[in-house]
């Protein structure tokens, strides 16, 4: 059972690393080529939502930071 959980955890970490690399690629290509994937606009609206929603936005930002920090 522990071996199966370790295997699934390894898969999830690999998928998370892949998604982080794709996000970085989308941000860099958005900066270089006028945001073809809409990533910069999405991040901007996410940050705008955090600013207008106050505490709920702050909590969601904290959750995002915790999820990102856990994978390092």
N, C-alpha and C. Protein backbone atom coordinates (compact mmCIF):
# COMPACT_ATOMS: atom_id res chain seq x y z
N UNK A 1 0.82 -1.19 0.00
CA UNK A 1 0.00 0.00 0.00
C UNK A 1 0.87 1.26 0.00
N UNK A 2 1.93 1.26 0.81
CA UNK A 2 2.82 2.42 0.85
C UNK A 2 3.52 2.64 -0.48
N UNK A 3 3.87 1.53 -1.14
CA UNK A 3 4.54 1.64 -2.43
C UNK A 3 3.62 2.28 -3.47
N UNK A 4 2.34 1.91 -3.43
CA UNK A 4 1.37 2.48 -4.36
C UNK A 4 1.18 3.97 -4.11
N UNK A 5 1.13 4.37 -2.85
CA UNK A 5 0.98 5.78 -2.51
C UNK A 5 2.21 6.57 -2.94
N UNK A 6 3.40 6.00 -2.75
CA UNK A 6 4.62 6.66 -3.20
C UNK A 6 4.65 6.82 -4.71
N UNK A 7 4.16 5.80 -5.42
CA UNK A 7 4.11 5.86 -6.88
C UNK A 7 3.16 6.96 -7.34
N UNK A 8 1.99 7.01 -6.75
CA UNK A 8 1.01 8.05 -7.12
C UNK A 8 1.55 9.43 -6.76
N UNK A 9 2.18 9.55 -5.60
CA UNK A 9 2.78 10.82 -5.20
C UNK A 9 3.87 11.25 -6.18
N UNK A 10 4.66 10.31 -6.65
CA UNK A 10 5.68 10.62 -7.65
C UNK A 10 5.08 11.11 -8.94
N UNK A 11 4.00 10.48 -9.38
CA UNK A 11 3.30 10.92 -10.59
C UNK A 11 2.77 12.33 -10.42
N UNK A 12 2.15 12.60 -9.27
CA UNK A 12 1.59 13.93 -9.04
C UNK A 12 2.67 15.00 -9.00
N UNK A 13 3.81 14.69 -8.39
CA UNK A 13 4.91 15.64 -8.38
C UNK A 13 5.45 15.90 -9.78
N UNK A 14 5.52 14.85 -10.58
CA UNK A 14 5.99 15.00 -11.96
C UNK A 14 5.02 15.85 -12.77
N UNK A 15 3.73 15.60 -12.61
CA UNK A 15 2.72 16.38 -13.33
C UNK A 15 2.75 17.84 -12.88
N UNK A 16 2.93 18.07 -11.57
CA UNK A 16 3.00 19.43 -11.05
C UNK A 16 4.21 20.16 -11.61
N UNK A 17 5.35 19.49 -11.67
CA UNK A 17 6.54 20.12 -12.25
C UNK A 17 6.33 20.44 -13.72
N UNK A 18 5.68 19.55 -14.45
CA UNK A 18 5.39 19.80 -15.86
C UNK A 18 4.47 21.00 -16.02
N UNK A 19 3.44 21.10 -15.18
CA UNK A 19 2.51 22.23 -15.26
C UNK A 19 3.20 23.55 -14.91
N UNK A 20 4.13 23.51 -13.96
CA UNK A 20 4.89 24.72 -13.65
C UNK A 20 5.74 25.15 -14.84
N UNK A 21 6.36 24.20 -15.51
CA UNK A 21 7.17 24.53 -16.68
C UNK A 21 6.31 25.10 -17.80
N UNK A 22 5.12 24.54 -17.98
CA UNK A 22 4.20 25.05 -19.01
C UNK A 22 3.75 26.46 -18.66
N UNK A 23 3.49 26.72 -17.38
CA UNK A 23 3.08 28.06 -16.95
C UNK A 23 4.19 29.07 -17.21
N UNK A 24 5.42 28.70 -16.88
CA UNK A 24 6.55 29.61 -17.13
C UNK A 24 6.71 29.87 -18.63
N UNK A 25 6.56 28.82 -19.44
CA UNK A 25 6.64 29.00 -20.90
C UNK A 25 5.54 29.93 -21.38
N UNK A 26 4.31 29.77 -20.86
CA UNK A 26 3.20 30.62 -21.29
C UNK A 26 3.42 32.07 -20.88
N UNK A 27 3.99 32.29 -19.69
CA UNK A 27 4.26 33.66 -19.25
C UNK A 27 5.34 34.30 -20.11
N UNK A 28 6.41 33.56 -20.37
CA UNK A 28 7.50 34.12 -21.18
C UNK A 28 7.03 34.38 -22.61
N UNK A 29 6.27 33.45 -23.19
CA UNK A 29 5.77 33.69 -24.54
C UNK A 29 4.75 34.82 -24.56
N UNK A 30 4.01 34.99 -23.46
CA UNK A 30 3.08 36.11 -23.36
C UNK A 30 3.81 37.44 -23.33
N UNK A 31 4.94 37.47 -22.66
CA UNK A 31 5.72 38.71 -22.63
C UNK A 31 6.38 39.00 -23.97
N UNK A 32 6.81 37.96 -24.65
CA UNK A 32 7.52 38.16 -25.92
C UNK A 32 6.59 38.35 -27.12
N UNK A 33 5.45 37.66 -27.12
CA UNK A 33 4.61 37.63 -28.32
C UNK A 33 3.19 38.13 -28.08
N UNK A 34 3.02 39.12 -27.23
CA UNK A 34 1.73 39.77 -27.02
C UNK A 34 0.66 38.82 -26.49
N UNK A 35 1.01 37.97 -25.57
CA UNK A 35 0.10 37.11 -24.81
C UNK A 35 -0.81 36.23 -25.69
N UNK A 36 -0.24 35.32 -26.48
CA UNK A 36 -1.08 34.49 -27.36
C UNK A 36 -1.96 33.49 -26.61
N UNK A 37 -1.59 33.09 -25.41
CA UNK A 37 -2.37 32.11 -24.66
C UNK A 37 -3.29 32.76 -23.63
N UNK A 38 -3.20 34.07 -23.44
CA UNK A 38 -4.03 34.77 -22.47
C UNK A 38 -3.58 34.59 -21.03
N UNK A 39 -2.36 34.14 -20.83
CA UNK A 39 -1.86 33.87 -19.49
C UNK A 39 -1.67 35.16 -18.68
N UNK A 40 -1.09 36.16 -19.30
CA UNK A 40 -0.83 37.42 -18.60
C UNK A 40 -2.16 38.07 -18.19
N UNK A 41 -3.14 38.04 -19.09
CA UNK A 41 -4.45 38.60 -18.77
C UNK A 41 -5.14 37.85 -17.65
N UNK A 42 -4.98 36.53 -17.63
CA UNK A 42 -5.59 35.71 -16.57
C UNK A 42 -4.94 36.00 -15.23
N UNK A 43 -3.62 36.11 -15.21
CA UNK A 43 -2.93 36.43 -13.96
C UNK A 43 -3.32 37.83 -13.49
N UNK A 44 -3.45 38.76 -14.43
CA UNK A 44 -3.87 40.12 -14.08
C UNK A 44 -5.26 40.15 -13.48
N UNK A 45 -6.20 39.41 -14.07
CA UNK A 45 -7.56 39.39 -13.52
C UNK A 45 -7.60 38.65 -12.18
N UNK A 46 -6.74 37.66 -12.00
CA UNK A 46 -6.66 36.97 -10.71
C UNK A 46 -6.18 37.94 -9.63
N UNK A 47 -5.15 38.71 -9.94
CA UNK A 47 -4.65 39.69 -8.97
C UNK A 47 -5.65 40.81 -8.75
N UNK A 48 -6.38 41.20 -9.79
CA UNK A 48 -7.42 42.21 -9.64
C UNK A 48 -8.53 41.70 -8.73
N UNK A 49 -8.89 40.43 -8.88
CA UNK A 49 -9.90 39.83 -8.03
C UNK A 49 -9.45 39.76 -6.58
N UNK A 50 -8.18 39.53 -6.37
CA UNK A 50 -7.64 39.50 -5.00
C UNK A 50 -7.76 40.90 -4.39
N UNK A 51 -7.49 41.92 -5.19
CA UNK A 51 -7.58 43.28 -4.68
C UNK A 51 -8.99 43.71 -4.38
N UNK A 52 -9.97 43.28 -5.17
CA UNK A 52 -11.34 43.74 -4.97
C UNK A 52 -12.12 42.87 -3.99
N UNK A 53 -11.67 41.66 -3.73
CA UNK A 53 -12.42 40.77 -2.84
C UNK A 53 -11.88 40.74 -1.43
N UNK A 54 -10.83 41.46 -1.14
CA UNK A 54 -10.34 41.60 0.22
C UNK A 54 -9.85 40.32 0.85
N UNK A 55 -10.48 39.92 1.95
CA UNK A 55 -10.00 38.80 2.75
C UNK A 55 -10.10 37.47 2.00
N UNK A 56 -11.18 37.27 1.26
CA UNK A 56 -11.32 36.01 0.52
C UNK A 56 -10.21 35.88 -0.52
N UNK A 57 -9.85 36.97 -1.17
CA UNK A 57 -8.75 36.96 -2.12
C UNK A 57 -7.42 36.70 -1.45
N UNK A 58 -7.25 37.27 -0.28
CA UNK A 58 -6.00 37.06 0.46
C UNK A 58 -5.85 35.60 0.88
N UNK A 59 -6.95 35.00 1.31
CA UNK A 59 -6.92 33.58 1.68
C UNK A 59 -6.61 32.71 0.46
N UNK A 60 -7.22 33.02 -0.68
CA UNK A 60 -6.93 32.23 -1.88
C UNK A 60 -5.48 32.40 -2.32
N UNK A 61 -4.94 33.59 -2.17
CA UNK A 61 -3.52 33.81 -2.48
C UNK A 61 -2.63 33.01 -1.55
N UNK A 62 -2.97 32.96 -0.26
CA UNK A 62 -2.19 32.18 0.70
C UNK A 62 -2.22 30.70 0.35
N UNK A 63 -3.38 30.21 -0.08
CA UNK A 63 -3.49 28.79 -0.48
C UNK A 63 -2.61 28.52 -1.69
N UNK A 64 -2.63 29.42 -2.66
CA UNK A 64 -1.79 29.24 -3.85
C UNK A 64 -0.30 29.23 -3.47
N UNK A 65 0.09 30.10 -2.57
CA UNK A 65 1.50 30.14 -2.14
C UNK A 65 1.87 28.87 -1.41
N UNK A 66 0.97 28.37 -0.55
CA UNK A 66 1.25 27.13 0.17
C UNK A 66 1.38 25.95 -0.78
N UNK A 67 0.52 25.87 -1.77
CA UNK A 67 0.58 24.75 -2.74
C UNK A 67 1.87 24.84 -3.54
N UNK A 68 2.22 26.05 -3.97
CA UNK A 68 3.45 26.21 -4.74
C UNK A 68 4.68 25.92 -3.90
N UNK A 69 4.67 26.38 -2.64
CA UNK A 69 5.83 26.18 -1.76
C UNK A 69 6.03 24.75 -1.35
N UNK A 70 4.96 23.99 -1.31
CA UNK A 70 5.04 22.58 -0.87
C UNK A 70 5.81 21.74 -1.89
N UNK A 71 5.78 22.11 -3.14
CA UNK A 71 6.40 21.29 -4.18
C UNK A 71 7.90 21.52 -4.31
N UNK A 72 8.45 22.44 -3.57
CA UNK A 72 9.89 22.71 -3.68
C UNK A 72 10.68 21.79 -2.83
